[in-house]
Amino acid sequence: MPESAPESSTADEAEQPGRPDKARPGGLGQGPGRLLVLLYGVFTVAAASRSIYQLAAQYHEAPLAYILSAVSAVVYAFITVSLVRGGEGARKAAFVCCAAELLGVLTIGTWTLADPSAFPDQTVWSDYGMGYLFIPIFLPVTGLIWLRKARQD
């Protein structure tokens, strides 16, 4: 009976399940990144569902606030997909989006405190995310730190 050839040792080790996350190229959503994927996913659903309802049923009450909530949902969704997709291009795109998200939270948070009448209703980023336990201010900072650490040299 002919002997079978030994398994090839040239298989890409990064594709093997059970390998440490550091060996996987673009493992942005692996290890501690899983928490970011979970949080961004939850915030995508929360912001999107809230803004869709508000835009459909209450648009006339606070259009700017509801549009900003919809924009935040799109940003959250893009970051979620980028973290799951992985790779250097996705990391760079997610990094830019996290920076834009942080800028948005800081801008809208400051604007809502400086001129509360500009926003008759809350956005996800109002008062630096107070309505969401301030997670919107910490999430992009954490994301930026993770994405910087996950940079492939």
C-alpha atoms as a PDB file:
ATOM      1  CA  MET A   1       0.000   0.000   0.000  1.00  0.00           C
ATOM      2  CA  PRO A   2       1.570   3.372  -0.959  1.00  0.00           C
ATOM      3  CA  GLU A   3       2.345   5.700   1.857  1.00  0.00           C
ATOM      4  CA  SER A   4       0.431   8.930   1.873  1.00  0.00           C
ATOM      5  CA  ALA A   5       2.422  12.086   1.545  1.00  0.00           C
ATOM      6  CA  PRO A   6       3.047  13.925   4.786  1.00  0.00           C
ATOM      7  CA  GLU A   7       0.990  17.012   5.353  1.00  0.00           C
ATOM      8  CA  SER A   8       2.497  20.082   3.821  1.00  0.00           C
ATOM      9  CA  SER A   9       4.221  22.281   6.337  1.00  0.00           C
ATOM     10  CA  THR A  10       4.035  25.213   3.951  1.00  0.00           C
ATOM     11  CA  ALA A  11       0.365  25.899   4.714  1.00  0.00           C
ATOM     12  CA  ASP A  12      -0.260  29.421   5.822  1.00  0.00           C
ATOM     13  CA  GLU A  13      -0.141  29.168   9.589  1.00  0.00           C
ATOM     14  CA  ALA A  14      -2.164  32.335   9.963  1.00  0.00           C
ATOM     15  CA  GLU A  15      -5.209  30.590   8.465  1.00  0.00           C
ATOM     16  CA  GLN A  16      -5.168  27.771  10.981  1.00  0.00           C
ATOM     17  CA  PRO A  17      -7.861  27.992  13.614  1.00  0.00           C
ATOM     18  CA  GLY A  18      -6.548  28.160  17.117  1.00  0.00           C
ATOM     19  CA  ARG A  19      -3.497  30.206  16.205  1.00  0.00           C
ATOM     20  CA  PRO A  20      -2.792  33.181  18.456  1.00  0.00           C
ATOM     21  CA  ASP A  21      -4.449  36.386  17.293  1.00  0.00           C
ATOM     22  CA  LYS A  22      -1.105  38.076  16.684  1.00  0.00           C
ATOM     23  CA  ALA A  23      -0.381  35.588  13.901  1.00  0.00           C
ATOM     24  CA  ARG A  24      -3.547  36.469  12.006  1.00  0.00           C
ATOM     25  CA  PRO A  25      -3.068  39.274   9.563  1.00  0.00           C
ATOM     26  CA  GLY A  26      -5.525  42.048  10.217  1.00  0.00           C
ATOM     27  CA  GLY A  27      -6.928  40.500  13.392  1.00  0.00           C
ATOM     28  CA  LEU A  28      -8.498  43.811  14.390  1.00  0.00           C
ATOM     29  CA  GLY A  29     -11.647  42.167  15.690  1.00  0.00           C
ATOM     30  CA  GLN A  30      -9.760  39.477  17.588  1.00  0.00           C
ATOM     31  CA  GLY A  31      -8.687  39.424  21.202  1.00  0.00           C
ATOM     32  CA  PRO A  32      -9.510  42.760  22.874  1.00  0.00           C
ATOM     33  CA  GLY A  33     -10.816  43.969  19.503  1.00  0.00           C
ATOM     34  CA  ARG A  34     -13.829  41.680  19.989  1.00  0.00           C
ATOM     35  CA  LEU A  35     -15.126  43.991  22.681  1.00  0.00           C
ATOM     36  CA  LEU A  36     -14.835  46.915  20.272  1.00  0.00           C
ATOM     37  CA  VAL A  37     -16.699  44.954  17.586  1.00  0.00           C
ATOM     38  CA  LEU A  38     -19.427  44.140  20.098  1.00  0.00           C
ATOM     39  CA  LEU A  39     -19.767  47.712  21.361  1.00  0.00           C
ATOM     40  CA  TYR A  40     -19.656  49.265  17.892  1.00  0.00           C
ATOM     41  CA  GLY A  41     -22.207  46.699  16.710  1.00  0.00           C
ATOM     42  CA  VAL A  42     -24.561  47.492  19.580  1.00  0.00           C
ATOM     43  CA  PHE A  43     -24.153  51.229  19.015  1.00  0.00           C
ATOM     44  CA  THR A  44     -24.795  50.776  15.297  1.00  0.00           C
ATOM     45  CA  VAL A  45     -28.116  49.065  16.003  1.00  0.00           C
ATOM     46  CA  ALA A  46     -29.055  51.493  18.787  1.00  0.00           C
ATOM     47  CA  ALA A  47     -28.245  54.670  16.865  1.00  0.00           C
ATOM     48  CA  ALA A  48     -29.698  53.392  13.585  1.00  0.00           C
ATOM     49  CA  SER A  49     -32.982  52.174  15.049  1.00  0.00           C
ATOM     50  CA  ARG A  50     -33.425  55.320  17.107  1.00  0.00           C
ATOM     51  CA  SER A  51     -32.635  57.664  14.223  1.00  0.00           C
ATOM     52  CA  ILE A  52     -34.788  55.768  11.714  1.00  0.00           C
ATOM     53  CA  TYR A  53     -37.784  56.027  14.022  1.00  0.00           C
ATOM     54  CA  GLN A  54     -37.122  59.669  14.851  1.00  0.00           C
ATOM     55  CA  LEU A  55     -36.558  60.655  11.227  1.00  0.00           C
ATOM     56  CA  ALA A  56     -39.765  58.889  10.182  1.00  0.00           C
ATOM     57  CA  ALA A  57     -42.035  59.902  13.058  1.00  0.00           C
ATOM     58  CA  GLN A  58     -40.583  63.057  14.598  1.00  0.00           C
ATOM     59  CA  TYR A  59     -38.462  64.737  11.932  1.00  0.00           C
ATOM     60  CA  HIS A  60     -40.151  68.123  12.374  1.00  0.00           C
ATOM     61  CA  GLU A  61     -39.266  68.269  16.098  1.00  0.00           C
ATOM     62  CA  ALA A  62     -35.457  68.177  15.855  1.00  0.00           C
ATOM     63  CA  PRO A  63     -34.192  67.366  12.363  1.00  0.00           C
ATOM     64  CA  LEU A  64     -30.539  68.233  13.046  1.00  0.00           C
ATOM     65  CA  ALA A  65     -30.378  65.982  16.106  1.00  0.00           C
ATOM     66  CA  TYR A  66     -31.961  63.067  14.266  1.00  0.00           C
ATOM     67  CA  ILE A  67     -29.757  63.461  11.217  1.00  0.00           C
ATOM     68  CA  LEU A  68     -26.669  63.554  13.452  1.00  0.00           C
ATOM     69  CA  SER A  69     -27.819  60.352  15.146  1.00  0.00           C
ATOM     70  CA  ALA A  70     -28.178  58.740  11.712  1.00  0.00           C
ATOM     71  CA  VAL A  71     -24.671  59.924  10.778  1.00  0.00           C
ATOM     72  CA  SER A  72     -23.300  58.431  13.991  1.00  0.00           C
ATOM     73  CA  ALA A  73     -24.982  55.115  13.126  1.00  0.00           C
ATOM     74  CA  VAL A  74     -23.263  55.098   9.725  1.00  0.00           C
ATOM     75  CA  VAL A  75     -19.892  55.857  11.340  1.00  0.00           C
ATOM     76  CA  TYR A  76     -20.412  53.087  13.907  1.00  0.00           C
ATOM     77  CA  ALA A  77     -21.386  50.612  11.171  1.00  0.00           C
ATOM     78  CA  PHE A  78     -18.342  51.471   9.070  1.00  0.00           C
ATOM     79  CA  ILE A  79     -16.005  51.009  12.029  1.00  0.00           C
ATOM     80  CA  THR A  80     -17.679  47.704  12.942  1.00  0.00           C
ATOM     81  CA  VAL A  81     -17.259  46.350   9.407  1.00  0.00           C
ATOM     82  CA  SER A  82     -13.651  47.564   9.258  1.00  0.00           C
ATOM     83  CA  LEU A  83     -12.794  45.841  12.532  1.00  0.00           C
ATOM     84  CA  VAL A  84     -14.378  42.596  11.374  1.00  0.00           C
ATOM     85  CA  ARG A  85     -12.810  42.786   7.902  1.00  0.00           C
ATOM     86  CA  GLY A  86      -9.314  43.394   9.196  1.00  0.00           C
ATOM     87  CA  GLY A  87      -6.234  44.136   7.158  1.00  0.00           C
ATOM     88  CA  GLU A  88      -4.112  47.226   6.956  1.00  0.00           C
ATOM     89  CA  GLY A  89      -6.461  49.143   4.654  1.00  0.00           C
ATOM     90  CA  ALA A  90      -9.420  48.502   6.956  1.00  0.00           C
ATOM     91  CA  ARG A  91      -7.311  49.484   9.969  1.00  0.00           C
ATOM     92  CA  LYS A  92      -6.412  52.808   8.375  1.00  0.00           C
ATOM     93  CA  ALA A  93     -10.027  53.484   7.362  1.00  0.00           C
ATOM     94  CA  ALA A  94     -11.276  52.597  10.853  1.00  0.00           C
ATOM     95  CA  PHE A  95      -8.587  54.829  12.381  1.00  0.00           C
ATOM     96  CA  VAL A  96      -9.772  57.797  10.293  1.00  0.00           C
ATOM     97  CA  CYS A  97     -13.403  57.067  11.199  1.00  0.00           C
ATOM     98  CA  CYS A  98     -12.597  56.772  14.915  1.00  0.00           C
ATOM     99  CA  ALA A  99     -10.801  60.117  14.756  1.00  0.00           C
ATOM    100  CA  ALA A 100     -13.804  61.651  12.954  1.00  0.00           C
ATOM    101  CA  GLU A 101     -16.113  60.085  15.515  1.00  0.00           C
ATOM    102  CA  LEU A 102     -14.090  61.570  18.381  1.00  0.00           C
ATOM    103  CA  LEU A 103     -14.157  64.955  16.681  1.00  0.00           C
ATOM    104  CA  GLY A 104     -17.929  64.616  16.263  1.00  0.00           C
ATOM    105  CA  VAL A 105     -18.476  63.665  19.898  1.00  0.00           C
ATOM    106  CA  LEU A 106     -16.333  66.556  21.112  1.00  0.00           C
ATOM    107  CA  THR A 107     -17.972  69.049  18.727  1.00  0.00           C
ATOM    108  CA  ILE A 108     -21.578  67.987  19.315  1.00  0.00           C
ATOM    109  CA  GLY A 109     -20.971  67.473  23.026  1.00  0.00           C
ATOM    110  CA  THR A 110     -19.586  70.989  23.394  1.00  0.00           C
ATOM    111  CA  TRP A 111     -22.281  72.467  21.138  1.00  0.00           C
ATOM    112  CA  THR A 112     -25.080  70.873  23.177  1.00  0.00           C
ATOM    113  CA  LEU A 113     -23.627  72.284  26.371  1.00  0.00           C
ATOM    114  CA  ALA A 114     -22.922  75.736  24.934  1.00  0.00           C
ATOM    115  CA  ASP A 115     -26.263  76.123  23.110  1.00  0.00           C
ATOM    116  CA  PRO A 116     -28.855  73.614  24.363  1.00  0.00           C
ATOM    117  CA  SER A 117     -31.572  75.297  22.280  1.00  0.00           C
ATOM    118  CA  ALA A 118     -29.783  74.177  19.094  1.00  0.00           C
ATOM    119  CA  PHE A 119     -30.780  70.592  19.908  1.00  0.00           C
ATOM    120  CA  PRO A 120     -34.375  70.287  21.112  1.00  0.00           C
ATOM    121  CA  ASP A 121     -33.812  66.533  21.393  1.00  0.00           C
ATOM    122  CA  GLN A 122     -30.767  64.426  22.256  1.00  0.00           C
ATOM    123  CA  THR A 123     -28.343  62.893  19.778  1.00  0.00           C
ATOM    124  CA  VAL A 124     -26.082  59.940  20.494  1.00  0.00           C
ATOM    125  CA  TRP A 125     -23.244  62.430  20.965  1.00  0.00           C
ATOM    126  CA  SER A 126     -25.154  65.053  23.017  1.00  0.00           C
ATOM    127  CA  ASP A 127     -23.448  66.027  26.251  1.00  0.00           C
ATOM    128  CA  TYR A 128     -20.509  63.817  25.243  1.00  0.00           C
ATOM    129  CA  GLY A 129     -22.760  60.737  25.206  1.00  0.00           C
ATOM    130  CA  MET A 130     -24.268  61.207  28.660  1.00  0.00           C
ATOM    131  CA  GLY A 131     -27.471  59.461  27.561  1.00  0.00           C
ATOM    132  CA  TYR A 132     -25.378  56.413  26.694  1.00  0.00           C
ATOM    133  CA  LEU A 133     -23.279  56.348  29.888  1.00  0.00           C
ATOM    134  CA  PHE A 134     -20.525  58.394  28.192  1.00  0.00           C
ATOM    135  CA  ILE A 135     -19.566  55.363  26.109  1.00  0.00           C
ATOM    136  CA  PRO A 136     -19.594  57.515  22.931  1.00  0.00           C
ATOM    137  CA  ILE A 137     -16.670  59.588  24.263  1.00  0.00           C
ATOM    138  CA  PHE A 138     -14.639  56.578  25.434  1.00  0.00           C
ATOM    139  CA  LEU A 139     -15.335  54.318  22.458  1.00  0.00           C
ATOM    140  CA  PRO A 140     -13.390  56.258  19.803  1.00  0.00           C
ATOM    141  CA  VAL A 141     -10.477  56.839  22.192  1.00  0.00           C
ATOM    142  CA  THR A 142     -10.320  53.113  22.916  1.00  0.00           C
ATOM    143  CA  GLY A 143     -10.688  52.366  19.217  1.00  0.00           C
ATOM    144  CA  LEU A 144      -7.847  54.706  18.294  1.00  0.00           C
ATOM    145  CA  ILE A 145      -5.583  53.130  20.904  1.00  0.00           C
ATOM    146  CA  TRP A 146      -6.437  49.606  19.716  1.00  0.00           C
ATOM    147  CA  LEU A 147      -6.021  50.474  16.044  1.00  0.00           C
ATOM    148  CA  ARG A 148      -2.673  52.126  16.710  1.00  0.00           C
ATOM    149  CA  LYS A 149      -1.502  49.100  18.681  1.00  0.00           C
ATOM    150  CA  ALA A 150      -2.744  46.737  15.944  1.00  0.00           C
ATOM    151  CA  ARG A 151      -0.760  48.572  13.266  1.00  0.00           C
ATOM    152  CA  GLN A 152       1.183  46.120  11.132  1.00  0.00           C
ATOM    153  CA  ASP A 153       4.768  47.326  10.852  1.00  0.00           C
END
